[in-house]
Amino acid sequence: MPSIAAAVGIALVSACSPYDEPARWAPDEIVDGVPAIDWPLGAPNMSDEWVAALYKADAAHVAAQNTHDFSNPALKELVEDDHLMLLARRARSVAYSLGNEGGRNEYQYAPGPNLMKVMSVDSAGDEATVFTCEFSPSALLHWHWYSTEPMTLDDVLTLKSGNPMWHRLERDASGHIRVTDAGASWSYENPGACDLSGVRPGFFDPAPPFGQDVWGGDVLGPDGVPIPDLQGRMHDGTWINEKTGEVRIDPETGEPWIF
């Protein structure tokens, strides 16, 4: 089956187009453990080291969220430990919240790296803040990009406005640039505050398993261990003691506590 870039990219590029020729990142080419990515409108500009590090971290983060596994060693070199655990816990929280009506629910997957347009970079020494415009109505979740169904290139081309975000990065003692924090520069009262036109979407190949159900406890943390939610719920409905790892027992029945 031809890639998205091969199928639709050529027809979209013209002499007056702001986009480049279609591009493809082969599996593991940019970051180990990340699948191939087709860029029908051209790959993002990676000439700035801070921007390149952010795009790499974002691709690895989204790939981890799609596979429910944050233990990729390459991801740990791109995202600071505490921030990575926060991202993993958020993924676990989303999976649980989507399935807490009883039984599993459809998990929302991302067709590719987050829709992100770099606006500016403020760097000094071994630190930088990259300011972006992103199609994300929340600083925590990219709901409109994460979906239960594939998003097409035509869908993306209809997007005109986004929300301003910031990403902090630092160079550690080993020379690795890692994302240490991220947030939003907007409010729910004033969404759509930046121009998203010209954003270059990427699409994973193979595509994620849209429609596949996920329990929150299916999400593996950076250490490869399933993540309990903040109250200790696990994927099979039992509860665990987060400090000891022991299954909680219902004092009335003497059986594992099922929620």
Protein backbone atom coordinates (compact mmCIF):
# COMPACT_ATOMS: atom_id res chain seq x y z
CA MET A 1 0.00 0.00 0.00
CA PRO A 2 1.49 3.40 -0.94
CA SER A 3 2.35 5.77 1.88
CA ILE A 4 0.30 8.92 2.50
CA ALA A 5 3.22 10.97 1.25
CA ALA A 6 3.36 9.04 -2.01
CA ALA A 7 -0.39 8.98 -2.49
CA VAL A 8 -1.32 12.60 -1.88
CA GLY A 9 1.79 14.65 -1.23
CA ILE A 10 2.94 15.29 -4.79
CA ALA A 11 -0.42 16.64 -5.87
CA LEU A 12 -0.45 19.14 -3.03
CA VAL A 13 2.92 20.72 -3.73
CA SER A 14 3.08 23.46 -6.31
CA ALA A 15 5.36 26.36 -7.20
CA CYS A 16 3.39 28.70 -4.94
CA SER A 17 2.99 26.27 -2.07
CA PRO A 18 4.51 27.09 1.35
CA TYR A 19 5.27 23.39 1.75
CA ASP A 20 8.21 21.23 0.71
CA GLU A 21 8.36 17.94 -1.11
CA PRO A 22 6.89 14.96 0.75
CA ALA A 23 9.32 13.30 3.10
CA ARG A 24 9.54 10.08 5.07
CA TRP A 25 11.37 9.25 8.27
CA ALA A 26 12.21 5.56 8.22
CA PRO A 27 11.59 3.46 11.35
CA ASP A 28 14.17 4.34 14.05
CA GLU A 29 15.75 6.93 11.70
CA ILE A 30 15.20 9.94 13.95
CA VAL A 31 14.49 8.21 17.27
CA ASP A 32 14.93 4.54 18.14
CA GLY A 33 11.61 2.80 18.76
CA VAL A 34 9.52 5.25 16.71
CA PRO A 35 7.75 3.89 13.61
CA ALA A 36 8.12 5.39 10.16
CA ILE A 37 6.54 8.82 9.74
CA ASP A 38 5.24 10.18 6.43
CA TRP A 39 5.27 13.97 6.02
CA PRO A 40 3.07 14.67 2.97
CA LEU A 41 3.78 18.42 3.10
CA GLY A 42 7.44 18.16 4.02
CA ALA A 43 9.25 17.28 7.23
CA PRO A 44 9.68 19.87 10.00
CA ASN A 45 12.75 22.09 9.98
CA MET A 46 15.31 20.48 12.30
CA SER A 47 18.15 22.99 11.79
CA ASP A 48 17.82 24.42 15.33
CA GLU A 49 19.08 21.95 17.94
CA TRP A 50 16.38 22.90 20.49
CA VAL A 51 13.60 22.56 17.94
CA ALA A 52 15.04 19.27 16.69
CA ALA A 53 15.13 17.91 20.24
CA LEU A 54 11.51 18.94 20.80
CA TYR A 55 10.31 17.26 17.59
CA LYS A 56 12.20 14.09 18.48
CA ALA A 57 10.81 14.05 22.01
CA ASP A 58 7.30 14.69 20.76
CA ALA A 59 7.45 11.87 18.18
CA ALA A 60 8.77 9.46 20.81
CA HIS A 61 6.18 10.59 23.38
CA VAL A 62 3.24 10.17 20.99
CA ALA A 63 4.54 6.79 19.81
CA ALA A 64 4.76 5.72 23.47
CA GLN A 65 1.24 6.90 24.13
CA ASN A 66 -0.04 4.94 21.13
CA THR A 67 1.66 1.74 22.30
CA HIS A 68 0.91 2.40 26.01
CA ASP A 69 4.60 1.85 26.76
CA PHE A 70 6.89 4.61 28.07
CA SER A 71 9.90 2.37 28.69
CA ASN A 72 11.70 3.18 25.40
CA PRO A 73 15.32 4.02 26.43
CA ALA A 74 15.51 6.64 23.66
CA LEU A 75 12.53 8.44 25.18
CA LYS A 76 14.36 8.67 28.51
CA GLU A 77 17.20 10.49 26.74
CA LEU A 78 14.77 13.03 25.29
CA VAL A 79 12.48 13.74 28.25
CA GLU A 80 13.54 14.51 31.84
CA ASP A 81 12.64 11.73 34.28
CA ASP A 82 9.96 13.52 36.32
CA HIS A 83 8.32 15.01 33.23
CA LEU A 84 8.33 11.63 31.50
CA MET A 85 6.60 10.01 34.47
CA LEU A 86 4.03 12.81 34.39
CA LEU A 87 3.34 12.12 30.70
CA ALA A 88 3.03 8.40 31.40
CA ARG A 89 0.62 8.99 34.28
CA ARG A 90 -1.49 11.26 32.09
CA ALA A 91 -1.69 8.54 29.44
CA ARG A 92 -2.71 6.06 32.12
CA SER A 93 -5.32 8.47 33.47
CA VAL A 94 -6.81 8.98 30.01
CA ALA A 95 -7.03 5.24 29.38
CA TYR A 96 -8.77 4.71 32.71
CA SER A 97 -11.17 7.65 32.33
CA LEU A 98 -12.27 6.37 28.93
CA GLY A 99 -13.11 2.96 30.33
CA ASN A 100 -14.54 3.67 33.76
CA GLU A 101 -18.17 3.26 32.77
CA GLY A 102 -17.80 -0.48 33.18
CA GLY A 103 -15.69 -2.48 30.77
CA ARG A 104 -13.24 -1.20 28.23
CA ASN A 105 -13.80 1.80 26.04
CA GLU A 106 -12.26 2.96 22.77
CA TYR A 107 -8.87 4.51 23.38
CA GLN A 108 -7.91 7.64 21.49
CA TYR A 109 -4.81 7.28 19.34
CA ALA A 110 -2.75 9.85 17.48
CA PRO A 111 -2.27 9.35 13.74
CA GLY A 112 1.15 10.98 14.04
CA PRO A 113 3.25 13.40 16.08
CA ASN A 114 1.31 16.28 17.58
CA LEU A 115 0.25 19.05 15.21
CA MET A 116 2.87 21.57 16.25
CA LYS A 117 4.10 24.75 14.56
CA VAL A 118 7.20 26.35 16.09
CA MET A 119 6.78 30.09 16.58
CA SER A 120 9.99 31.14 18.34
CA VAL A 121 12.91 29.92 20.46
CA ASP A 122 14.31 31.69 23.51
CA SER A 123 17.64 30.12 24.45
CA ALA A 124 20.40 30.99 26.88
CA GLY A 125 23.31 28.70 27.61
CA ASP A 126 22.10 25.20 28.34
CA GLU A 127 18.42 26.09 28.57
CA ALA A 128 15.73 27.07 26.09
CA THR A 129 12.01 27.61 25.80
CA VAL A 130 10.38 26.73 22.49
CA PHE A 131 7.07 28.49 21.84
CA THR A 132 4.64 26.67 19.57
CA CYS A 133 1.16 26.83 18.12
CA GLU A 134 -0.60 23.49 18.55
CA PHE A 135 -3.98 22.00 17.80
CA SER A 136 -4.70 21.12 21.41
CA PRO A 137 -7.56 22.49 23.51
CA SER A 138 -5.80 21.41 26.70
CA ALA A 139 -2.29 21.71 28.07
CA LEU A 140 -2.66 18.13 29.25
CA LEU A 141 -4.25 16.34 26.32
CA HIS A 142 -4.29 16.76 22.55
CA TRP A 143 -7.93 15.70 22.27
CA HIS A 144 -8.65 16.81 18.71
CA TRP A 145 -5.60 15.06 17.31
CA TYR A 146 -6.01 11.96 19.42
CA SER A 147 -9.01 10.12 18.05
CA THR A 148 -10.80 6.80 17.83
CA GLU A 149 -10.67 7.13 14.04
CA PRO A 150 -7.91 8.10 11.60
CA MET A 151 -7.54 11.77 10.69
CA THR A 152 -6.80 12.46 7.03
CA LEU A 153 -4.59 15.08 5.46
CA ASP A 154 -7.71 16.86 4.18
CA ASP A 155 -8.93 17.10 7.78
CA VAL A 156 -5.69 18.75 8.81
CA LEU A 157 -5.76 21.28 5.98
CA THR A 158 -9.03 22.69 7.33
CA LEU A 159 -7.36 23.66 10.63
CA LYS A 160 -6.60 27.38 10.77
CA SER A 161 -6.16 28.23 14.43
CA GLY A 162 -4.41 26.65 17.38
CA ASN A 163 -3.37 27.39 20.92
CA PRO A 164 -0.03 28.82 22.08
CA MET A 165 2.09 26.39 24.09
CA TRP A 166 5.61 26.44 25.54
CA HIS A 167 8.18 23.70 26.08
CA ARG A 168 11.23 24.02 28.32
CA LEU A 169 14.38 22.12 27.43
CA GLU A 170 17.77 21.72 29.11
CA ARG A 171 21.12 20.27 28.12
CA ASP A 172 22.25 17.81 30.78
CA ALA A 173 25.79 16.98 31.86
CA SER A 174 26.05 14.24 29.23
CA GLY A 175 25.14 16.67 26.45
CA HIS A 176 21.63 15.35 25.85
CA ILE A 177 18.92 17.95 25.34
CA ARG A 178 15.78 16.91 27.19
CA VAL A 179 12.30 18.37 27.57
CA THR A 180 11.78 19.23 31.24
CA ASP A 181 8.36 20.89 31.28
CA ALA A 182 5.51 22.11 29.07
CA GLY A 183 2.39 24.18 29.40
CA ALA A 184 -0.12 26.46 27.75
CA SER A 185 -0.09 30.22 27.20
CA TRP A 186 -3.83 30.48 26.71
CA SER A 187 -7.07 30.09 28.60
CA TYR A 188 -10.37 28.33 28.00
CA GLU A 189 -11.89 31.81 27.68
CA ASN A 190 -9.60 32.65 24.76
CA PRO A 191 -8.85 29.52 22.70
CA GLY A 192 -7.61 29.51 19.13
CA ALA A 193 -5.22 32.37 19.78
CA CYS A 194 -2.52 31.50 17.24
CA ASP A 195 -2.30 30.84 13.52
CA LEU A 196 -1.91 27.14 12.73
CA SER A 197 -1.99 27.52 8.95
CA GLY A 198 1.05 25.97 7.31
CA VAL A 199 1.44 23.26 9.95
CA ARG A 200 3.06 20.12 8.58
CA PRO A 201 1.37 16.94 9.81
CA GLY A 202 3.12 13.62 10.05
CA PHE A 203 1.44 10.21 9.91
CA PHE A 204 2.77 7.05 11.51
CA ASP A 205 3.28 4.03 9.25
CA PRO A 206 1.90 1.65 10.26
CA ALA A 207 -1.02 3.59 11.67
CA PRO A 208 -1.93 3.00 15.32
CA PRO A 209 -4.66 0.44 16.10
CA PHE A 210 -7.63 2.79 16.07
CA GLY A 211 -10.55 1.27 17.96
CA GLN A 212 -8.43 -1.05 20.08
CA ASP A 213 -9.55 -0.96 23.70
CA VAL A 214 -7.17 -0.12 26.51
CA TRP A 215 -7.32 -0.25 30.30
CA GLY A 216 -5.41 2.35 32.27
CA GLY A 217 -3.30 -0.40 33.85
CA ASP A 218 -2.15 -1.49 30.40
CA VAL A 219 0.12 1.58 30.32
CA LEU A 220 3.74 0.80 31.17
CA GLY A 221 5.84 3.44 32.89
CA PRO A 222 9.46 4.37 32.14
CA ASP A 223 10.61 1.42 34.27
CA GLY A 224 8.47 -1.03 32.23
CA VAL A 225 6.07 -1.60 35.14
CA PRO A 226 2.29 -1.03 34.76
CA ILE A 227 1.25 2.28 36.25
CA PRO A 228 -1.52 2.33 38.86
CA ASP A 229 -3.65 5.44 38.91
CA LEU A 230 -3.35 7.82 41.84
CA GLN A 231 -5.77 5.63 43.81
CA GLY A 232 -4.03 2.37 42.93
CA ARG A 233 -6.51 0.90 40.43
CA MET A 234 -5.10 -1.71 38.09
CA HIS A 235 -6.26 -3.00 34.71
CA ASP A 236 -8.02 -6.10 36.08
CA GLY A 237 -10.13 -4.09 38.50
CA THR A 238 -8.09 -4.85 41.61
CA TRP A 239 -6.43 -2.22 43.75
CA ILE A 240 -2.84 -2.23 44.92
CA ASN A 241 -0.94 -0.50 47.67
CA GLU A 242 1.35 1.86 45.76
CA LYS A 243 4.04 1.69 48.43
CA THR A 244 4.20 -2.10 48.85
CA GLY A 245 2.75 -3.29 45.53
CA GLU A 246 0.45 -5.68 47.39
CA VAL A 247 -3.11 -6.26 46.20
CA ARG A 248 -5.63 -4.60 48.49
CA ILE A 249 -8.05 -7.00 50.16
CA ASP A 250 -11.69 -6.21 50.90
CA PRO A 251 -11.89 -6.48 54.71
CA GLU A 252 -15.48 -7.73 54.55
CA THR A 253 -14.99 -10.55 52.05
CA GLY A 254 -11.30 -11.28 52.34
CA GLU A 255 -11.14 -11.19 48.52
CA PRO A 256 -9.20 -8.78 46.26
CA TRP A 257 -10.98 -5.44 46.16
CA ILE A 258 -12.67 -4.96 42.78
CA PHE A 259 -13.83 -1.52 41.74
